[in-house]
Amino acid sequence: MPKIKTHKATSKRFKLTGGVKKKMTQRKAGQGHFNSRESGNTKRNKRSDIETHDSLVKTIKRLTPYN
């Protein structure tokens, strides 16, 4: 049985947590540029990771089979 190729962009954007339930996390959007106009609270809130929605997890796991 041949190996399945990992979708590299997906593997860089999503991470599995180390807990028992193995939840998937991702970075919040909008951190690339044009951040000078945003308040300090908004910039601080965007630094944290969020949990990926359940409807996307199945697709992401198919794209990253060895994570």
N, C-alpha and C. Protein backbone atom coordinates (compact mmCIF):
# COMPACT_ATOMS: atom_id res chain seq x y z
N MET A 1 0.84 -1.18 0.00
CA MET A 1 0.00 0.00 0.00
C MET A 1 0.89 1.25 0.00
N PRO A 2 0.72 2.15 -0.96
CA PRO A 2 1.59 3.32 -1.03
C PRO A 2 1.26 4.34 0.07
N LYS A 3 2.23 5.17 0.36
CA LYS A 3 2.01 6.23 1.35
C LYS A 3 1.11 7.30 0.76
N ILE A 4 0.38 7.99 1.63
CA ILE A 4 -0.48 9.09 1.21
C ILE A 4 0.31 10.38 1.39
N LYS A 5 0.27 11.25 0.39
CA LYS A 5 0.97 12.52 0.50
C LYS A 5 0.23 13.47 1.43
N THR A 6 1.00 14.16 2.26
CA THR A 6 0.44 15.15 3.17
C THR A 6 0.32 16.48 2.45
N HIS A 7 -0.82 17.15 2.61
CA HIS A 7 -1.02 18.48 2.06
C HIS A 7 -0.27 19.46 2.94
N LYS A 8 0.86 20.00 2.44
CA LYS A 8 1.79 20.74 3.26
C LYS A 8 1.21 22.05 3.80
N ALA A 9 0.39 22.75 3.01
CA ALA A 9 -0.20 24.00 3.49
C ALA A 9 -1.12 23.74 4.67
N THR A 10 -1.87 22.65 4.60
CA THR A 10 -2.77 22.31 5.70
C THR A 10 -1.99 21.92 6.94
N SER A 11 -0.91 21.18 6.77
CA SER A 11 -0.15 20.74 7.93
C SER A 11 0.53 21.91 8.63
N LYS A 12 0.81 23.00 7.91
CA LYS A 12 1.41 24.17 8.53
C LYS A 12 0.38 25.05 9.24
N ARG A 13 -0.87 25.02 8.80
CA ARG A 13 -1.88 25.91 9.35
C ARG A 13 -2.62 25.34 10.54
N PHE A 14 -2.71 24.02 10.65
CA PHE A 14 -3.50 23.39 11.70
C PHE A 14 -2.62 22.50 12.55
N LYS A 15 -2.86 22.53 13.86
CA LYS A 15 -2.08 21.71 14.79
C LYS A 15 -3.03 20.91 15.66
N LEU A 16 -2.60 19.70 16.04
CA LEU A 16 -3.35 18.88 16.99
C LEU A 16 -2.88 19.19 18.40
N THR A 17 -3.82 19.25 19.34
CA THR A 17 -3.44 19.47 20.73
C THR A 17 -2.92 18.17 21.32
N GLY A 18 -2.24 18.27 22.42
CA GLY A 18 -1.65 17.09 23.02
C GLY A 18 -2.52 16.39 24.02
N GLY A 19 -3.76 16.85 24.20
CA GLY A 19 -4.63 16.27 25.21
C GLY A 19 -5.21 14.93 24.79
N VAL A 20 -6.11 14.44 25.60
CA VAL A 20 -6.73 13.15 25.35
C VAL A 20 -7.66 13.20 24.14
N LYS A 21 -8.38 14.32 24.00
CA LYS A 21 -9.38 14.42 22.93
C LYS A 21 -8.78 14.78 21.58
N LYS A 22 -7.52 15.22 21.54
CA LYS A 22 -6.83 15.58 20.28
C LYS A 22 -7.63 16.59 19.47
N LYS A 23 -7.87 17.75 20.06
CA LYS A 23 -8.59 18.80 19.34
C LYS A 23 -7.64 19.47 18.35
N MET A 24 -8.21 20.14 17.35
CA MET A 24 -7.43 20.79 16.32
C MET A 24 -7.51 22.30 16.50
N THR A 25 -6.37 22.97 16.41
CA THR A 25 -6.34 24.41 16.59
C THR A 25 -5.80 25.08 15.34
N GLN A 26 -6.11 26.37 15.21
CA GLN A 26 -5.62 27.17 14.10
C GLN A 26 -5.42 28.60 14.58
N ARG A 27 -4.64 29.36 13.84
CA ARG A 27 -4.42 30.77 14.18
C ARG A 27 -5.63 31.59 13.76
N LYS A 28 -5.82 32.71 14.42
CA LYS A 28 -6.89 33.60 14.01
C LYS A 28 -6.47 34.36 12.76
N ALA A 29 -7.45 34.73 11.94
CA ALA A 29 -7.18 35.42 10.68
C ALA A 29 -6.90 36.90 10.92
N GLY A 30 -6.27 37.53 9.93
CA GLY A 30 -6.10 38.98 9.96
C GLY A 30 -4.89 39.46 10.71
N GLN A 31 -3.81 38.70 10.72
CA GLN A 31 -2.61 39.14 11.43
C GLN A 31 -1.48 39.52 10.49
N GLY A 32 -1.69 39.41 9.20
CA GLY A 32 -0.60 39.59 8.25
C GLY A 32 -0.11 41.01 8.13
N HIS A 33 -1.01 41.95 7.84
CA HIS A 33 -0.61 43.34 7.67
C HIS A 33 -1.82 44.22 7.92
N PHE A 34 -1.64 45.55 7.85
CA PHE A 34 -2.67 46.54 8.17
C PHE A 34 -3.11 46.45 9.62
N ASN A 35 -2.18 46.14 10.52
CA ASN A 35 -2.54 46.02 11.92
C ASN A 35 -2.36 47.32 12.70
N SER A 36 -1.77 48.34 12.08
CA SER A 36 -1.52 49.57 12.82
C SER A 36 -2.82 50.30 13.14
N ARG A 37 -3.86 50.08 12.35
CA ARG A 37 -5.13 50.77 12.60
C ARG A 37 -5.95 50.09 13.69
N GLU A 38 -5.57 48.89 14.10
CA GLU A 38 -6.36 48.15 15.07
C GLU A 38 -5.95 48.50 16.49
N SER A 39 -6.90 48.36 17.40
CA SER A 39 -6.64 48.68 18.80
C SER A 39 -5.74 47.61 19.41
N GLY A 40 -5.17 47.94 20.54
CA GLY A 40 -4.30 46.99 21.23
C GLY A 40 -5.05 45.75 21.66
N ASN A 41 -6.32 45.91 22.09
CA ASN A 41 -7.11 44.75 22.49
C ASN A 41 -7.32 43.78 21.34
N THR A 42 -7.61 44.32 20.17
CA THR A 42 -7.84 43.47 18.99
C THR A 42 -6.58 42.72 18.61
N LYS A 43 -5.45 43.42 18.62
CA LYS A 43 -4.19 42.77 18.26
C LYS A 43 -3.83 41.68 19.27
N ARG A 44 -4.07 41.93 20.53
CA ARG A 44 -3.77 40.96 21.57
C ARG A 44 -4.66 39.73 21.45
N ASN A 45 -5.92 39.93 21.14
CA ASN A 45 -6.85 38.81 21.01
C ASN A 45 -6.52 37.94 19.80
N LYS A 46 -5.95 38.52 18.77
CA LYS A 46 -5.62 37.75 17.57
C LYS A 46 -4.39 36.87 17.75
N ARG A 47 -3.62 37.10 18.81
CA ARG A 47 -2.42 36.29 19.02
C ARG A 47 -2.72 34.86 19.44
N SER A 48 -3.87 34.65 20.06
CA SER A 48 -4.18 33.32 20.58
C SER A 48 -4.74 32.42 19.48
N ASP A 49 -4.61 31.12 19.68
CA ASP A 49 -5.17 30.15 18.76
C ASP A 49 -6.62 29.87 19.11
N ILE A 50 -7.39 29.42 18.12
CA ILE A 50 -8.78 29.05 18.35
C ILE A 50 -8.96 27.60 17.94
N GLU A 51 -10.01 26.98 18.46
CA GLU A 51 -10.31 25.60 18.12
C GLU A 51 -11.00 25.56 16.75
N THR A 52 -10.59 24.64 15.90
CA THR A 52 -11.17 24.50 14.57
C THR A 52 -12.58 23.93 14.68
N HIS A 53 -13.46 24.42 13.81
CA HIS A 53 -14.85 23.98 13.83
C HIS A 53 -14.94 22.50 13.46
N ASP A 54 -15.90 21.80 14.08
CA ASP A 54 -16.02 20.35 13.91
C ASP A 54 -16.27 19.95 12.45
N SER A 55 -16.94 20.81 11.68
CA SER A 55 -17.25 20.44 10.30
C SER A 55 -16.00 20.39 9.43
N LEU A 56 -14.93 21.09 9.83
CA LEU A 56 -13.69 21.11 9.04
C LEU A 56 -12.70 20.03 9.45
N VAL A 57 -12.85 19.50 10.66
CA VAL A 57 -11.84 18.58 11.20
C VAL A 57 -11.71 17.33 10.35
N LYS A 58 -12.82 16.79 9.86
CA LYS A 58 -12.77 15.56 9.06
C LYS A 58 -11.99 15.79 7.76
N THR A 59 -12.21 16.92 7.12
CA THR A 59 -11.50 17.24 5.89
C THR A 59 -10.01 17.45 6.14
N ILE A 60 -9.69 18.14 7.22
CA ILE A 60 -8.29 18.42 7.53
C ILE A 60 -7.54 17.13 7.87
N LYS A 61 -8.18 16.22 8.59
CA LYS A 61 -7.53 14.96 8.92
C LYS A 61 -7.28 14.11 7.67
N ARG A 62 -8.13 14.25 6.66
CA ARG A 62 -7.92 13.53 5.40
C ARG A 62 -6.71 14.09 4.66
N LEU A 63 -6.50 15.41 4.76
CA LEU A 63 -5.38 16.05 4.08
C LEU A 63 -4.05 15.85 4.80
N THR A 64 -4.11 15.62 6.11
CA THR A 64 -2.89 15.39 6.89
C THR A 64 -3.01 14.04 7.59
N PRO A 65 -2.77 12.96 6.89
CA PRO A 65 -3.04 11.63 7.46
C PRO A 65 -2.09 11.19 8.56
N TYR A 66 -0.89 11.73 8.61
CA TYR A 66 0.10 11.25 9.57
C TYR A 66 0.27 12.17 10.76
N ASN A 67 -0.64 13.08 11.01
CA ASN A 67 -0.57 13.97 12.18
C ASN A 67 -1.44 13.45 13.28
